[in-house]
Amino acid sequence: MDLKFEHQLDDIAIRIGIVTVRNIDINIYPDGFQTELEKEVQSVQDGLDPKRETFRQAGREMLRNGSYKPTGRSKPSSEYLLREATKDNFPGINPIVDINNLISLRYMVPISLWDLDRAPSSHVIFRLGEEGESFEFNSAGQHIDLKDLITGFAVDGDQQHPMINPVKDALATKTADDTVNVGAAVYYPINAGSDGHLQKLLDEFGEWLSKVGSNATTTSCIV
């Protein structure tokens, strides 16, 4: 099934990088990955280097739209990972999520994941959420208010189903033990970098994802 991505974020200093990976074996970690992740976690435990600090700050500003304030629990997911990296036992979930976390920490940008086969459609549009829009993000039934938050919506006819954003991803489309096809959206503050730098990130992300099983294949693009 062909995927289609577009956005309505022309007034925001953002690029959205997309990586898709198909035919993964979610039980297989790439060789050397755990060592690479441990090194990345250790590298931020004493604070961020200037480049990553620039991206951290730019990531917050990228989300500061309308009434949305990226503070407290509304901060970008990359800052949640940064906080977890300062603790013992950095969380491990599955190869796809853990590769996501490696890239997010390394470049200090928020990244969303979704199961392509659980999505309502293969057409995703990125826009700011509107009044009354929300989605459930965990098994406890908690919801996130999407008003003025950059959000990816699966477009199904006249319906737009909110699915991902730089803070939380919807429970309905999260990866699971039977996931085989995955989409990832990198929310990249263009004021802090360049399209070339983003493409480097996407290439590295895709290279790791292509090693999750012997038949995995990846594609990438910038929206």
C-alpha atoms as a PDB file:
ATOM      1  CA  MET A   1       0.000   0.000   0.000  1.00  0.00           C
ATOM      2  CA  ASP A   2       1.423   3.384  -1.019  1.00  0.00           C
ATOM      3  CA  LEU A   3       1.885   5.905   1.783  1.00  0.00           C
ATOM      4  CA  LYS A   4       1.069   9.596   1.419  1.00  0.00           C
ATOM      5  CA  PHE A   5       2.301  12.350   3.723  1.00  0.00           C
ATOM      6  CA  GLU A   6       1.548  16.070   3.731  1.00  0.00           C
ATOM      7  CA  HIS A   7       1.397  18.924   6.200  1.00  0.00           C
ATOM      8  CA  GLN A   8      -0.340  22.188   6.939  1.00  0.00           C
ATOM      9  CA  LEU A   9       2.455  23.636   9.071  1.00  0.00           C
ATOM     10  CA  ASP A  10       3.840  26.263   6.720  1.00  0.00           C
ATOM     11  CA  ASP A  11       4.065  28.923   9.435  1.00  0.00           C
ATOM     12  CA  ILE A  12       6.134  26.690  11.753  1.00  0.00           C
ATOM     13  CA  ALA A  13       9.917  26.225  11.488  1.00  0.00           C
ATOM     14  CA  ILE A  14       9.684  22.460  11.122  1.00  0.00           C
ATOM     15  CA  ARG A  15      10.602  19.676   8.761  1.00  0.00           C
ATOM     16  CA  ILE A  16       9.069  16.240   9.239  1.00  0.00           C
ATOM     17  CA  GLY A  17      11.283  13.339   8.303  1.00  0.00           C
ATOM     18  CA  ILE A  18       9.590  10.017   7.607  1.00  0.00           C
ATOM     19  CA  VAL A  19      11.146   6.570   7.827  1.00  0.00           C
ATOM     20  CA  THR A  20       9.156   3.404   7.137  1.00  0.00           C
ATOM     21  CA  VAL A  21      10.335  -0.141   7.700  1.00  0.00           C
ATOM     22  CA  ARG A  22       8.568  -3.277   6.520  1.00  0.00           C
ATOM     23  CA  ASN A  23       8.872  -6.991   7.248  1.00  0.00           C
ATOM     24  CA  ILE A  24      10.618  -6.632  10.592  1.00  0.00           C
ATOM     25  CA  ASP A  25      11.116  -9.355  13.177  1.00  0.00           C
ATOM     26  CA  ILE A  26      10.387  -7.451  16.355  1.00  0.00           C
ATOM     27  CA  ASN A  27      12.224 -10.057  18.440  1.00  0.00           C
ATOM     28  CA  ILE A  28      15.615  -9.423  16.799  1.00  0.00           C
ATOM     29  CA  TYR A  29      18.020  -6.710  17.918  1.00  0.00           C
ATOM     30  CA  PRO A  30      20.774  -5.582  15.516  1.00  0.00           C
ATOM     31  CA  ASP A  31      24.297  -6.684  16.397  1.00  0.00           C
ATOM     32  CA  GLY A  32      26.055  -4.103  18.531  1.00  0.00           C
ATOM     33  CA  PHE A  33      22.929  -2.096  19.205  1.00  0.00           C
ATOM     34  CA  GLN A  34      22.814  -2.435  22.991  1.00  0.00           C
ATOM     35  CA  THR A  35      26.403  -1.241  23.306  1.00  0.00           C
ATOM     36  CA  GLU A  36      25.612   1.751  21.074  1.00  0.00           C
ATOM     37  CA  LEU A  37      22.561   2.662  23.145  1.00  0.00           C
ATOM     38  CA  GLU A  38      24.477   2.381  26.419  1.00  0.00           C
ATOM     39  CA  LYS A  39      27.162   4.730  25.077  1.00  0.00           C
ATOM     40  CA  GLU A  40      24.524   7.255  24.014  1.00  0.00           C
ATOM     41  CA  VAL A  41      22.816   7.161  27.404  1.00  0.00           C
ATOM     42  CA  GLN A  42      26.135   7.700  29.160  1.00  0.00           C
ATOM     43  CA  SER A  43      27.003  10.604  26.860  1.00  0.00           C
ATOM     44  CA  VAL A  44      24.104  12.731  28.146  1.00  0.00           C
ATOM     45  CA  GLN A  45      24.286  11.877  31.833  1.00  0.00           C
ATOM     46  CA  ASP A  46      26.561  14.827  32.600  1.00  0.00           C
ATOM     47  CA  GLY A  47      24.561  17.251  30.464  1.00  0.00           C
ATOM     48  CA  LEU A  48      24.078  17.990  26.784  1.00  0.00           C
ATOM     49  CA  ASP A  49      26.783  19.219  24.459  1.00  0.00           C
ATOM     50  CA  PRO A  50      26.075  22.654  22.889  1.00  0.00           C
ATOM     51  CA  LYS A  51      24.652  21.267  19.642  1.00  0.00           C
ATOM     52  CA  ARG A  52      22.148  19.007  21.352  1.00  0.00           C
ATOM     53  CA  GLU A  53      21.212  21.757  23.788  1.00  0.00           C
ATOM     54  CA  THR A  54      20.454  23.989  20.800  1.00  0.00           C
ATOM     55  CA  PHE A  55      18.153  21.288  19.409  1.00  0.00           C
ATOM     56  CA  ARG A  56      16.491  20.787  22.800  1.00  0.00           C
ATOM     57  CA  GLN A  57      15.611  24.456  23.027  1.00  0.00           C
ATOM     58  CA  ALA A  58      14.567  24.684  19.367  1.00  0.00           C
ATOM     59  CA  GLY A  59      12.363  21.616  19.812  1.00  0.00           C
ATOM     60  CA  ARG A  60      10.440  23.370  22.556  1.00  0.00           C
ATOM     61  CA  GLU A  61      10.039  26.528  20.500  1.00  0.00           C
ATOM     62  CA  MET A  62       8.790  24.455  17.560  1.00  0.00           C
ATOM     63  CA  LEU A  63       5.884  23.290  19.741  1.00  0.00           C
ATOM     64  CA  ARG A  64       5.033  26.741  21.098  1.00  0.00           C
ATOM     65  CA  ASN A  65       1.997  27.417  18.917  1.00  0.00           C
ATOM     66  CA  GLY A  66      -1.235  29.142  19.863  1.00  0.00           C
ATOM     67  CA  SER A  67      -2.283  28.082  23.346  1.00  0.00           C
ATOM     68  CA  TYR A  68       0.097  25.103  23.500  1.00  0.00           C
ATOM     69  CA  LYS A  69       2.946  25.435  26.000  1.00  0.00           C
ATOM     70  CA  PRO A  70       5.668  22.733  25.865  1.00  0.00           C
ATOM     71  CA  THR A  71       6.371  22.567  29.593  1.00  0.00           C
ATOM     72  CA  GLY A  72       5.887  19.960  32.325  1.00  0.00           C
ATOM     73  CA  ARG A  73       4.192  16.858  30.947  1.00  0.00           C
ATOM     74  CA  SER A  74       3.677  18.675  27.646  1.00  0.00           C
ATOM     75  CA  LYS A  75       7.396  18.731  26.787  1.00  0.00           C
ATOM     76  CA  PRO A  76       8.738  16.965  23.678  1.00  0.00           C
ATOM     77  CA  SER A  77       9.243  13.217  24.127  1.00  0.00           C
ATOM     78  CA  SER A  78      12.997  13.664  23.599  1.00  0.00           C
ATOM     79  CA  GLU A  79      13.161  15.527  26.911  1.00  0.00           C
ATOM     80  CA  TYR A  80      11.430  12.619  28.651  1.00  0.00           C
ATOM     81  CA  LEU A  81      14.165  10.342  27.273  1.00  0.00           C
ATOM     82  CA  LEU A  82      16.819  12.767  28.477  1.00  0.00           C
ATOM     83  CA  ARG A  83      15.384  12.597  31.986  1.00  0.00           C
ATOM     84  CA  GLU A  84      15.294   8.789  31.886  1.00  0.00           C
ATOM     85  CA  ALA A  85      18.920   8.699  30.722  1.00  0.00           C
ATOM     86  CA  THR A  86      20.001  10.322  33.990  1.00  0.00           C
ATOM     87  CA  LYS A  87      18.584   7.385  35.949  1.00  0.00           C
ATOM     88  CA  ASP A  88      19.719   3.779  36.252  1.00  0.00           C
ATOM     89  CA  ASN A  89      18.139   1.126  34.010  1.00  0.00           C
ATOM     90  CA  PHE A  90      17.211   3.123  30.909  1.00  0.00           C
ATOM     91  CA  PRO A  91      13.949   1.500  29.693  1.00  0.00           C
ATOM     92  CA  GLY A  92      14.030  -1.105  26.932  1.00  0.00           C
ATOM     93  CA  ILE A  93      10.824  -1.975  25.060  1.00  0.00           C
ATOM     94  CA  ASN A  94      11.518  -3.647  21.720  1.00  0.00           C
ATOM     95  CA  PRO A  95      14.074  -3.113  18.923  1.00  0.00           C
ATOM     96  CA  ILE A  96      11.958  -0.544  17.068  1.00  0.00           C
ATOM     97  CA  VAL A  97      11.210   1.600  20.112  1.00  0.00           C
ATOM     98  CA  ASP A  98      14.771   1.300  21.401  1.00  0.00           C
ATOM     99  CA  ILE A  99      16.264   2.366  18.039  1.00  0.00           C
ATOM    100  CA  ASN A 100      13.846   5.287  18.074  1.00  0.00           C
ATOM    101  CA  ASN A 101      15.144   6.225  21.529  1.00  0.00           C
ATOM    102  CA  LEU A 102      18.776   6.010  20.418  1.00  0.00           C
ATOM    103  CA  ILE A 103      18.208   8.378  17.486  1.00  0.00           C
ATOM    104  CA  SER A 104      16.036  10.732  19.547  1.00  0.00           C
ATOM    105  CA  LEU A 105      18.739  11.037  22.225  1.00  0.00           C
ATOM    106  CA  ARG A 106      21.589  11.326  19.729  1.00  0.00           C
ATOM    107  CA  TYR A 107      19.978  14.182  17.804  1.00  0.00           C
ATOM    108  CA  MET A 108      17.716  15.503  20.611  1.00  0.00           C
ATOM    109  CA  VAL A 109      14.567  15.561  18.495  1.00  0.00           C
ATOM    110  CA  PRO A 110      11.150  14.033  19.269  1.00  0.00           C
ATOM    111  CA  ILE A 111      10.123  11.051  17.138  1.00  0.00           C
ATOM    112  CA  SER A 112       6.794   9.236  16.782  1.00  0.00           C
ATOM    113  CA  LEU A 113       6.234   5.575  15.911  1.00  0.00           C
ATOM    114  CA  TRP A 114       3.111   3.874  14.644  1.00  0.00           C
ATOM    115  CA  ASP A 115       2.149   0.442  13.388  1.00  0.00           C
ATOM    116  CA  LEU A 116       1.271   0.914   9.718  1.00  0.00           C
ATOM    117  CA  ASP A 117      -1.191  -1.973   9.799  1.00  0.00           C
ATOM    118  CA  ARG A 118      -3.080  -0.551  12.790  1.00  0.00           C
ATOM    119  CA  ALA A 119      -3.480   2.888  11.224  1.00  0.00           C
ATOM    120  CA  PRO A 120      -6.929   3.801   9.843  1.00  0.00           C
ATOM    121  CA  SER A 121      -5.322   4.706   6.500  1.00  0.00           C
ATOM    122  CA  SER A 122      -2.013   5.140   4.656  1.00  0.00           C
ATOM    123  CA  HIS A 123      -2.568   8.895   4.178  1.00  0.00           C
ATOM    124  CA  VAL A 124      -1.177  11.024   7.010  1.00  0.00           C
ATOM    125  CA  ILE A 125      -1.538  14.781   7.289  1.00  0.00           C
ATOM    126  CA  PHE A 126       0.281  16.887   9.875  1.00  0.00           C
ATOM    127  CA  ARG A 127      -1.483  19.936  11.272  1.00  0.00           C
ATOM    128  CA  LEU A 128      -2.223  21.649  14.563  1.00  0.00           C
ATOM    129  CA  GLY A 129      -4.891  19.980  16.642  1.00  0.00           C
ATOM    130  CA  GLU A 130      -8.195  21.766  17.088  1.00  0.00           C
ATOM    131  CA  GLU A 131     -10.463  22.395  20.062  1.00  0.00           C
ATOM    132  CA  GLY A 132     -11.938  19.120  21.345  1.00  0.00           C
ATOM    133  CA  GLU A 133      -9.472  16.817  19.559  1.00  0.00           C
ATOM    134  CA  SER A 134      -7.613  14.270  21.693  1.00  0.00           C
ATOM    135  CA  PHE A 135      -6.545  10.627  21.800  1.00  0.00           C
ATOM    136  CA  GLU A 136      -5.918   7.923  24.373  1.00  0.00           C
ATOM    137  CA  PHE A 137      -2.205   7.306  24.846  1.00  0.00           C
ATOM    138  CA  ASN A 138      -1.927   4.544  27.464  1.00  0.00           C
ATOM    139  CA  SER A 139      -3.713   1.508  28.856  1.00  0.00           C
ATOM    140  CA  ALA A 140      -4.837   3.515  31.900  1.00  0.00           C
ATOM    141  CA  GLY A 141      -7.188   5.430  29.588  1.00  0.00           C
ATOM    142  CA  GLN A 142      -5.398   8.776  29.801  1.00  0.00           C
ATOM    143  CA  HIS A 143      -5.951  11.255  26.967  1.00  0.00           C
ATOM    144  CA  ILE A 144      -3.830  14.075  25.591  1.00  0.00           C
ATOM    145  CA  ASP A 145      -5.482  17.328  24.504  1.00  0.00           C
ATOM    146  CA  LEU A 146      -4.322  18.137  20.968  1.00  0.00           C
ATOM    147  CA  LYS A 147      -5.386  21.772  20.710  1.00  0.00           C
ATOM    148  CA  ASP A 148      -2.575  23.692  18.934  1.00  0.00           C
ATOM    149  CA  LEU A 149      -0.233  20.686  19.165  1.00  0.00           C
ATOM    150  CA  ILE A 150       1.512  19.440  16.010  1.00  0.00           C
ATOM    151  CA  THR A 151      -0.274  16.157  15.277  1.00  0.00           C
ATOM    152  CA  GLY A 152      -0.313  13.512  12.578  1.00  0.00           C
ATOM    153  CA  PHE A 153      -3.811  12.496  11.484  1.00  0.00           C
ATOM    154  CA  ALA A 154      -4.690   9.396   9.443  1.00  0.00           C
ATOM    155  CA  VAL A 155      -7.063  10.559   6.716  1.00  0.00           C
ATOM    156  CA  ASP A 156      -9.893   8.137   5.988  1.00  0.00           C
ATOM    157  CA  GLY A 157     -12.391   9.697   3.616  1.00  0.00           C
ATOM    158  CA  ASP A 158     -13.939  12.676   5.387  1.00  0.00           C
ATOM    159  CA  GLN A 159     -12.539  11.550   8.752  1.00  0.00           C
ATOM    160  CA  GLN A 160      -9.177  12.530  10.256  1.00  0.00           C
ATOM    161  CA  HIS A 161      -8.022  10.274  13.091  1.00  0.00           C
ATOM    162  CA  PRO A 162      -5.340  11.755  15.404  1.00  0.00           C
ATOM    163  CA  MET A 163      -2.512   9.273  15.781  1.00  0.00           C
ATOM    164  CA  ILE A 164       0.897  10.755  16.645  1.00  0.00           C
ATOM    165  CA  ASN A 165       2.560  13.914  17.942  1.00  0.00           C
ATOM    166  CA  PRO A 166       5.938  15.014  19.377  1.00  0.00           C
ATOM    167  CA  VAL A 167       4.770  14.404  22.955  1.00  0.00           C
ATOM    168  CA  LYS A 168       2.707  11.189  22.960  1.00  0.00           C
ATOM    169  CA  ASP A 169       1.560   8.584  20.451  1.00  0.00           C
ATOM    170  CA  ALA A 170      -1.905   7.037  20.348  1.00  0.00           C
ATOM    171  CA  LEU A 171      -2.340   3.701  22.099  1.00  0.00           C
ATOM    172  CA  ALA A 172      -4.403   2.367  19.183  1.00  0.00           C
ATOM    173  CA  THR A 173      -1.479   2.443  16.735  1.00  0.00           C
ATOM    174  CA  LYS A 174       1.510   1.719  18.977  1.00  0.00           C
ATOM    175  CA  THR A 175       3.894  -1.107  18.120  1.00  0.00           C
ATOM    176  CA  ALA A 176       3.152  -4.500  19.670  1.00  0.00           C
ATOM    177  CA  ASP A 177       4.529  -8.042  19.730  1.00  0.00           C
ATOM    178  CA  ASP A 178       2.987  -8.793  16.317  1.00  0.00           C
ATOM    179  CA  THR A 179       4.087  -5.582  14.558  1.00  0.00           C
ATOM    180  CA  VAL A 180       5.772  -6.106  11.175  1.00  0.00           C
ATOM    181  CA  ASN A 181       5.432  -2.704   9.423  1.00  0.00           C
ATOM    182  CA  VAL A 182       6.279   0.590  11.122  1.00  0.00           C
ATOM    183  CA  GLY A 183       6.230   4.300  10.347  1.00  0.00           C
ATOM    184  CA  ALA A 184       8.344   6.888  12.144  1.00  0.00           C
ATOM    185  CA  ALA A 185       7.978  10.679  12.074  1.00  0.00           C
ATOM    186  CA  VAL A 186      10.920  12.860  13.099  1.00  0.00           C
ATOM    187  CA  TYR A 187       9.891  16.371  14.200  1.00  0.00           C
ATOM    188  CA  TYR A 188      12.920  18.425  13.208  1.00  0.00           C
ATOM    189  CA  PRO A 189      13.351  22.115  14.154  1.00  0.00           C
ATOM    190  CA  ILE A 190      14.829  23.488  10.946  1.00  0.00           C
ATOM    191  CA  ASN A 191      16.074  26.643  12.720  1.00  0.00           C
ATOM    192  CA  ALA A 192      18.602  24.467  14.552  1.00  0.00           C
ATOM    193  CA  GLY A 193      19.865  22.458  11.583  1.00  0.00           C
ATOM    194  CA  SER A 194      19.439  21.789   7.876  1.00  0.00           C
ATOM    195  CA  ASP A 195      17.796  19.402   5.444  1.00  0.00           C
ATOM    196  CA  GLY A 196      21.187  17.756   4.954  1.00  0.00           C
ATOM    197  CA  HIS A 197      21.542  17.130   8.677  1.00  0.00           C
ATOM    198  CA  LEU A 198      18.004  15.752   8.810  1.00  0.00           C
ATOM    199  CA  GLN A 199      18.740  13.417   5.905  1.00  0.00           C
ATOM    200  CA  LYS A 200      21.829  12.145   7.753  1.00  0.00           C
ATOM    201  CA  LEU A 201      19.588  11.393  10.729  1.00  0.00           C
ATOM    202  CA  LEU A 202      17.066   9.571   8.532  1.00  0.00           C
ATOM    203  CA  ASP A 203      19.804   7.514   6.874  1.00  0.00           C
ATOM    204  CA  GLU A 204      21.194   6.432  10.244  1.00  0.00           C
ATOM    205  CA  PHE A 205      17.716   5.687  11.563  1.00  0.00           C
ATOM    206  CA  GLY A 206      16.889   3.628   8.478  1.00  0.00           C
ATOM    207  CA  GLU A 207      20.163   1.712   8.634  1.00  0.00           C
ATOM    208  CA  TRP A 208      19.460   0.526  12.170  1.00  0.00           C
ATOM    209  CA  LEU A 209      15.835  -0.327  11.357  1.00  0.00           C
ATOM    210  CA  SER A 210      16.882  -2.346   8.301  1.00  0.00           C
ATOM    211  CA  LYS A 211      18.724  -4.717  10.644  1.00  0.00           C
ATOM    212  CA  VAL A 212      15.620  -5.678  12.648  1.00  0.00           C
ATOM    213  CA  GLY A 213      15.207  -9.050  10.954  1.00  0.00           C
ATOM    214  CA  SER A 214      16.735 -10.451   7.785  1.00  0.00           C
ATOM    215  CA  ASN A 215      13.917  -9.285   5.473  1.00  0.00           C
ATOM    216  CA  ALA A 216      13.427  -5.714   6.701  1.00  0.00           C
ATOM    217  CA  THR A 217      13.386  -2.918   4.101  1.00  0.00           C
ATOM    218  CA  THR A 218      13.297   0.821   4.714  1.00  0.00           C
ATOM    219  CA  THR A 219      12.387   4.024   2.881  1.00  0.00           C
ATOM    220  CA  SER A 220      12.626   7.661   3.915  1.00  0.00           C
ATOM    221  CA  CYS A 221      11.506  11.107   2.808  1.00  0.00           C
ATOM    222  CA  ILE A 222      11.249  14.678   4.087  1.00  0.00           C
ATOM    223  CA  VAL A 223       7.754  16.180   4.191  1.00  0.00           C
END
